[in-house]
Amino acid sequence: MQEAWIQLRCPDCGEQWEANPVDLPEPQGSFTCEQCDGARPVSEFTKTARDFEILESFHE
């Protein structure tokens, strides 16, 4: 089993952290920032295009 970490950044409050894509919903699934409770599709939290690609690859 692959293990990876991607960088996330809340578009509302700017909080940044890393997460294992296995623990996240699929890219269009709803995700909520633990700092500010801002909710959006998890794809909007990925910090870079590469982070988004990694997230997608875990949910194919």
PDB file of N, CA and C in Angstrom:
ATOM      1  N   MET A   1       0.837  -1.181   0.000  1.00  0.00           N
ATOM      2  CA  MET A   1       0.000   0.000   0.000  1.00  0.00           C
ATOM      3  C   MET A   1       0.880   1.243   0.000  1.00  0.00           C
ATOM      4  N   GLN A   2       0.508   2.205  -0.837  1.00  0.00           N
ATOM      5  CA  GLN A   2       1.254   3.447  -0.914  1.00  0.00           C
ATOM      6  C   GLN A   2       0.918   4.346   0.269  1.00  0.00           C
ATOM      7  N   GLU A   3       1.900   5.128   0.676  1.00  0.00           N
ATOM      8  CA  GLU A   3       1.647   6.142   1.679  1.00  0.00           C
ATOM      9  C   GLU A   3       2.196   7.448   1.154  1.00  0.00           C
ATOM     10  N   ALA A   4       1.430   8.485   1.290  1.00  0.00           N
ATOM     11  CA  ALA A   4       1.842   9.798   0.808  1.00  0.00           C
ATOM     12  C   ALA A   4       1.256  10.859   1.718  1.00  0.00           C
ATOM     13  N   TRP A   5       1.842  12.025   1.667  1.00  0.00           N
ATOM     14  CA  TRP A   5       1.325  13.165   2.403  1.00  0.00           C
ATOM     15  C   TRP A   5       1.202  14.312   1.419  1.00  0.00           C
ATOM     16  N   ILE A   6       0.100  15.029   1.498  1.00  0.00           N
ATOM     17  CA  ILE A   6      -0.082  16.185   0.632  1.00  0.00           C
ATOM     18  C   ILE A   6      -0.244  17.428   1.496  1.00  0.00           C
ATOM     19  N   GLN A   7       0.062  18.562   0.900  1.00  0.00           N
ATOM     20  CA  GLN A   7      -0.063  19.832   1.591  1.00  0.00           C
ATOM     21  C   GLN A   7      -1.450  20.405   1.345  1.00  0.00           C
ATOM     22  N   LEU A   8      -2.061  20.865   2.418  1.00  0.00           N
ATOM     23  CA  LEU A   8      -3.374  21.489   2.327  1.00  0.00           C
ATOM     24  C   LEU A   8      -3.283  22.912   2.868  1.00  0.00           C
ATOM     25  N   ARG A   9      -4.132  23.766   2.335  1.00  0.00           N
ATOM     26  CA  ARG A   9      -4.212  25.158   2.796  1.00  0.00           C
ATOM     27  C   ARG A   9      -5.667  25.575   2.740  1.00  0.00           C
ATOM     28  N   CYS A  10      -6.179  26.075   3.845  1.00  0.00           N
ATOM     29  CA  CYS A  10      -7.569  26.521   3.890  1.00  0.00           C
ATOM     30  C   CYS A  10      -7.708  27.812   3.089  1.00  0.00           C
ATOM     31  N   PRO A  11      -8.612  27.824   2.092  1.00  0.00           N
ATOM     32  CA  PRO A  11      -8.804  29.040   1.311  1.00  0.00           C
ATOM     33  C   PRO A  11      -9.473  30.162   2.105  1.00  0.00           C
ATOM     34  N   ASP A  12     -10.080  29.840   3.236  1.00  0.00           N
ATOM     35  CA  ASP A  12     -10.753  30.863   4.041  1.00  0.00           C
ATOM     36  C   ASP A  12      -9.828  31.520   5.057  1.00  0.00           C
ATOM     37  N   CYS A  13      -9.116  30.720   5.867  1.00  0.00           N
ATOM     38  CA  CYS A  13      -8.297  31.293   6.941  1.00  0.00           C
ATOM     39  C   CYS A  13      -6.791  31.222   6.680  1.00  0.00           C
ATOM     40  N   GLY A  14      -6.370  30.434   5.671  1.00  0.00           N
ATOM     41  CA  GLY A  14      -4.953  30.347   5.349  1.00  0.00           C
ATOM     42  C   GLY A  14      -4.176  29.316   6.150  1.00  0.00           C
ATOM     43  N   GLU A  15      -4.825  28.620   7.079  1.00  0.00           N
ATOM     44  CA  GLU A  15      -4.155  27.569   7.861  1.00  0.00           C
ATOM     45  C   GLU A  15      -3.566  26.532   6.911  1.00  0.00           C
ATOM     46  N   GLN A  16      -2.347  26.042   7.204  1.00  0.00           N
ATOM     47  CA  GLN A  16      -1.684  25.048   6.373  1.00  0.00           C
ATOM     48  C   GLN A  16      -1.340  23.825   7.201  1.00  0.00           C
ATOM     49  N   TRP A  17      -1.445  22.639   6.575  1.00  0.00           N
ATOM     50  CA  TRP A  17      -1.097  21.391   7.228  1.00  0.00           C
ATOM     51  C   TRP A  17      -0.887  20.316   6.183  1.00  0.00           C
ATOM     52  N   GLU A  18      -0.445  19.151   6.618  1.00  0.00           N
ATOM     53  CA  GLU A  18      -0.270  18.001   5.736  1.00  0.00           C
ATOM     54  C   GLU A  18      -1.263  16.923   6.138  1.00  0.00           C
ATOM     55  N   ALA A  19      -1.690  16.129   5.151  1.00  0.00           N
ATOM     56  CA  ALA A  19      -2.632  15.045   5.423  1.00  0.00           C
ATOM     57  C   ALA A  19      -2.330  13.880   4.496  1.00  0.00           C
ATOM     58  N   ASN A  20      -2.693  12.707   4.953  1.00  0.00           N
ATOM     59  CA  ASN A  20      -2.588  11.514   4.126  1.00  0.00           C
ATOM     60  C   ASN A  20      -3.832  11.476   3.247  1.00  0.00           C
ATOM     61  N   PRO A  21      -3.688  11.396   1.912  1.00  0.00           N
ATOM     62  CA  PRO A  21      -4.851  11.425   1.021  1.00  0.00           C
ATOM     63  C   PRO A  21      -5.837  10.280   1.266  1.00  0.00           C
ATOM     64  N   VAL A  22      -5.371   9.195   1.856  1.00  0.00           N
ATOM     65  CA  VAL A  22      -6.258   8.068   2.177  1.00  0.00           C
ATOM     66  C   VAL A  22      -7.308   8.506   3.202  1.00  0.00           C
ATOM     67  N   ASP A  23      -6.944   9.440   4.055  1.00  0.00           N
ATOM     68  CA  ASP A  23      -7.834   9.900   5.117  1.00  0.00           C
ATOM     69  C   ASP A  23      -8.785  11.013   4.671  1.00  0.00           C
ATOM     70  N   LEU A  24      -8.683  11.438   3.421  1.00  0.00           N
ATOM     71  CA  LEU A  24      -9.503  12.531   2.910  1.00  0.00           C
ATOM     72  C   LEU A  24     -10.608  12.012   1.995  1.00  0.00           C
ATOM     73  N   PRO A  25     -11.693  12.787   1.862  1.00  0.00           N
ATOM     74  CA  PRO A  25     -12.731  12.390   0.906  1.00  0.00           C
ATOM     75  C   PRO A  25     -12.233  12.542  -0.527  1.00  0.00           C
ATOM     76  N   GLU A  26     -13.000  12.027  -1.486  1.00  0.00           N
ATOM     77  CA  GLU A  26     -12.635  12.189  -2.897  1.00  0.00           C
ATOM     78  C   GLU A  26     -12.569  13.680  -3.220  1.00  0.00           C
ATOM     79  N   PRO A  27     -11.867  14.072  -4.313  1.00  0.00           N
ATOM     80  CA  PRO A  27     -11.607  15.485  -4.589  1.00  0.00           C
ATOM     81  C   PRO A  27     -12.821  16.424  -4.538  1.00  0.00           C
ATOM     82  N   GLN A  28     -13.983  15.965  -4.974  1.00  0.00           N
ATOM     83  CA  GLN A  28     -15.163  16.846  -4.936  1.00  0.00           C
ATOM     84  C   GLN A  28     -15.993  16.682  -3.668  1.00  0.00           C
ATOM     85  N   GLY A  29     -15.538  15.794  -2.767  1.00  0.00           N
ATOM     86  CA  GLY A  29     -16.240  15.589  -1.502  1.00  0.00           C
ATOM     87  C   GLY A  29     -16.044  16.771  -0.572  1.00  0.00           C
ATOM     88  N   SER A  30     -16.998  17.012   0.284  1.00  0.00           N
ATOM     89  CA  SER A  30     -16.952  18.134   1.212  1.00  0.00           C
ATOM     90  C   SER A  30     -15.894  17.915   2.295  1.00  0.00           C
ATOM     91  N   PHE A  31     -15.212  18.994   2.638  1.00  0.00           N
ATOM     92  CA  PHE A  31     -14.172  18.965   3.662  1.00  0.00           C
ATOM     93  C   PHE A  31     -14.302  20.234   4.484  1.00  0.00           C
ATOM     94  N   THR A  32     -14.058  20.142   5.774  1.00  0.00           N
ATOM     95  CA  THR A  32     -14.190  21.289   6.672  1.00  0.00           C
ATOM     96  C   THR A  32     -12.874  21.552   7.384  1.00  0.00           C
ATOM     97  N   CYS A  33     -12.435  22.795   7.372  1.00  0.00           N
ATOM     98  CA  CYS A  33     -11.224  23.210   8.076  1.00  0.00           C
ATOM     99  C   CYS A  33     -11.480  23.133   9.577  1.00  0.00           C
ATOM    100  N   GLU A  34     -10.560  22.508  10.304  1.00  0.00           N
ATOM    101  CA  GLU A  34     -10.711  22.392  11.758  1.00  0.00           C
ATOM    102  C   GLU A  34     -10.475  23.717  12.471  1.00  0.00           C
ATOM    103  N   GLN A  35      -9.790  24.657  11.823  1.00  0.00           N
ATOM    104  CA  GLN A  35      -9.485  25.942  12.456  1.00  0.00           C
ATOM    105  C   GLN A  35     -10.654  26.924  12.376  1.00  0.00           C
ATOM    106  N   CYS A  36     -11.270  27.041  11.184  1.00  0.00           N
ATOM    107  CA  CYS A  36     -12.286  28.082  10.992  1.00  0.00           C
ATOM    108  C   CYS A  36     -13.664  27.539  10.613  1.00  0.00           C
ATOM    109  N   ASP A  37     -13.781  26.228  10.453  1.00  0.00           N
ATOM    110  CA  ASP A  37     -15.030  25.577  10.055  1.00  0.00           C
ATOM    111  C   ASP A  37     -15.472  25.931   8.638  1.00  0.00           C
ATOM    112  N   GLY A  38     -14.572  26.472   7.825  1.00  0.00           N
ATOM    113  CA  GLY A  38     -14.886  26.730   6.422  1.00  0.00           C
ATOM    114  C   GLY A  38     -15.036  25.405   5.685  1.00  0.00           C
ATOM    115  N   ALA A  39     -16.120  25.245   4.938  1.00  0.00           N
ATOM    116  CA  ALA A  39     -16.385  23.994   4.230  1.00  0.00           C
ATOM    117  C   ALA A  39     -16.408  24.231   2.728  1.00  0.00           C
ATOM    118  N   ARG A  40     -15.673  23.378   2.012  1.00  0.00           N
ATOM    119  CA  ARG A  40     -15.572  23.429   0.553  1.00  0.00           C
ATOM    120  C   ARG A  40     -15.214  22.041   0.061  1.00  0.00           C
ATOM    121  N   PRO A  41     -15.223  21.830  -1.268  1.00  0.00           N
ATOM    122  CA  PRO A  41     -14.691  20.558  -1.786  1.00  0.00           C
ATOM    123  C   PRO A  41     -13.219  20.449  -1.394  1.00  0.00           C
ATOM    124  N   VAL A  42     -12.790  19.252  -1.044  1.00  0.00           N
ATOM    125  CA  VAL A  42     -11.401  19.063  -0.601  1.00  0.00           C
ATOM    126  C   VAL A  42     -10.412  19.489  -1.683  1.00  0.00           C
ATOM    127  N   SER A  43     -10.797  19.438  -2.949  1.00  0.00           N
ATOM    128  CA  SER A  43      -9.892  19.863  -4.030  1.00  0.00           C
ATOM    129  C   SER A  43      -9.479  21.324  -3.877  1.00  0.00           C
ATOM    130  N   GLU A  44     -10.317  22.151  -3.257  1.00  0.00           N
ATOM    131  CA  GLU A  44      -9.982  23.563  -3.059  1.00  0.00           C
ATOM    132  C   GLU A  44      -8.977  23.775  -1.930  1.00  0.00           C
ATOM    133  N   PHE A  45      -8.726  22.737  -1.142  1.00  0.00           N
ATOM    134  CA  PHE A  45      -7.759  22.820  -0.050  1.00  0.00           C
ATOM    135  C   PHE A  45      -6.359  22.389  -0.485  1.00  0.00           C
ATOM    136  N   THR A  46      -6.235  21.694  -1.627  1.00  0.00           N
ATOM    137  CA  THR A  46      -4.904  21.247  -2.046  1.00  0.00           C
ATOM    138  C   THR A  46      -4.059  22.463  -2.384  1.00  0.00           C
ATOM    139  N   LYS A  47      -2.829  22.452  -1.894  1.00  0.00           N
ATOM    140  CA  LYS A  47      -1.963  23.625  -2.020  1.00  0.00           C
ATOM    141  C   LYS A  47      -1.370  23.762  -3.426  1.00  0.00           C
ATOM    142  N   THR A  48      -1.034  22.637  -4.059  1.00  0.00           N
ATOM    143  CA  THR A  48      -0.424  22.686  -5.384  1.00  0.00           C
ATOM    144  C   THR A  48      -1.166  21.746  -6.336  1.00  0.00           C
ATOM    145  N   ALA A  49      -0.892  21.913  -7.621  1.00  0.00           N
ATOM    146  CA  ALA A  49      -1.475  21.019  -8.627  1.00  0.00           C
ATOM    147  C   ALA A  49      -1.015  19.584  -8.389  1.00  0.00           C
ATOM    148  N   ARG A  50       0.222  19.413  -7.974  1.00  0.00           N
ATOM    149  CA  ARG A  50       0.740  18.067  -7.702  1.00  0.00           C
ATOM    150  C   ARG A  50       0.003  17.431  -6.517  1.00  0.00           C
ATOM    151  N   ASP A  51      -0.280  18.205  -5.488  1.00  0.00           N
ATOM    152  CA  ASP A  51      -1.051  17.685  -4.357  1.00  0.00           C
ATOM    153  C   ASP A  51      -2.425  17.205  -4.829  1.00  0.00           C
ATOM    154  N   PHE A  52      -3.058  17.974  -5.715  1.00  0.00           N
ATOM    155  CA  PHE A  52      -4.356  17.578  -6.264  1.00  0.00           C
ATOM    156  C   PHE A  52      -4.237  16.273  -7.053  1.00  0.00           C
ATOM    157  N   GLU A  53      -3.196  16.143  -7.873  1.00  0.00           N
ATOM    158  CA  GLU A  53      -2.985  14.915  -8.652  1.00  0.00           C
ATOM    159  C   GLU A  53      -2.818  13.700  -7.734  1.00  0.00           C
ATOM    160  N   ILE A  54      -2.076  13.872  -6.666  1.00  0.00           N
ATOM    161  CA  ILE A  54      -1.880  12.769  -5.717  1.00  0.00           C
ATOM    162  C   ILE A  54      -3.207  12.406  -5.070  1.00  0.00           C
ATOM    163  N   LEU A  55      -3.983  13.398  -4.653  1.00  0.00           N
ATOM    164  CA  LEU A  55      -5.302  13.141  -4.064  1.00  0.00           C
ATOM    165  C   LEU A  55      -6.171  12.349  -5.039  1.00  0.00           C
ATOM    166  N   GLU A  56      -6.211  12.786  -6.292  1.00  0.00           N
ATOM    167  CA  GLU A  56      -7.014  12.091  -7.308  1.00  0.00           C
ATOM    168  C   GLU A  56      -6.572  10.648  -7.477  1.00  0.00           C
ATOM    169  N   SER A  57      -5.267  10.403  -7.484  1.00  0.00           N
ATOM    170  CA  SER A  57      -4.760   9.047  -7.714  1.00  0.00           C
ATOM    171  C   SER A  57      -5.161   8.080  -6.597  1.00  0.00           C
ATOM    172  N   PHE A  58      -5.397   8.595  -5.406  1.00  0.00           N
ATOM    173  CA  PHE A  58      -5.814   7.750  -4.291  1.00  0.00           C
ATOM    174  C   PHE A  58      -7.306   7.445  -4.310  1.00  0.00           C
ATOM    175  N   HIS A  59      -8.046   8.136  -5.174  1.00  0.00           N
ATOM    176  CA  HIS A  59      -9.496   7.970  -5.227  1.00  0.00           C
ATOM    177  C   HIS A  59      -9.987   7.556  -6.603  1.00  0.00           C
ATOM    178  N   GLU A  60      -9.128   6.908  -7.378  1.00  0.00           N
ATOM    179  CA  GLU A  60      -9.534   6.411  -8.698  1.00  0.00           C
ATOM    180  C   GLU A  60     -10.264   5.103  -8.579  1.00  0.00           C
TER     181      GLU A  60
END
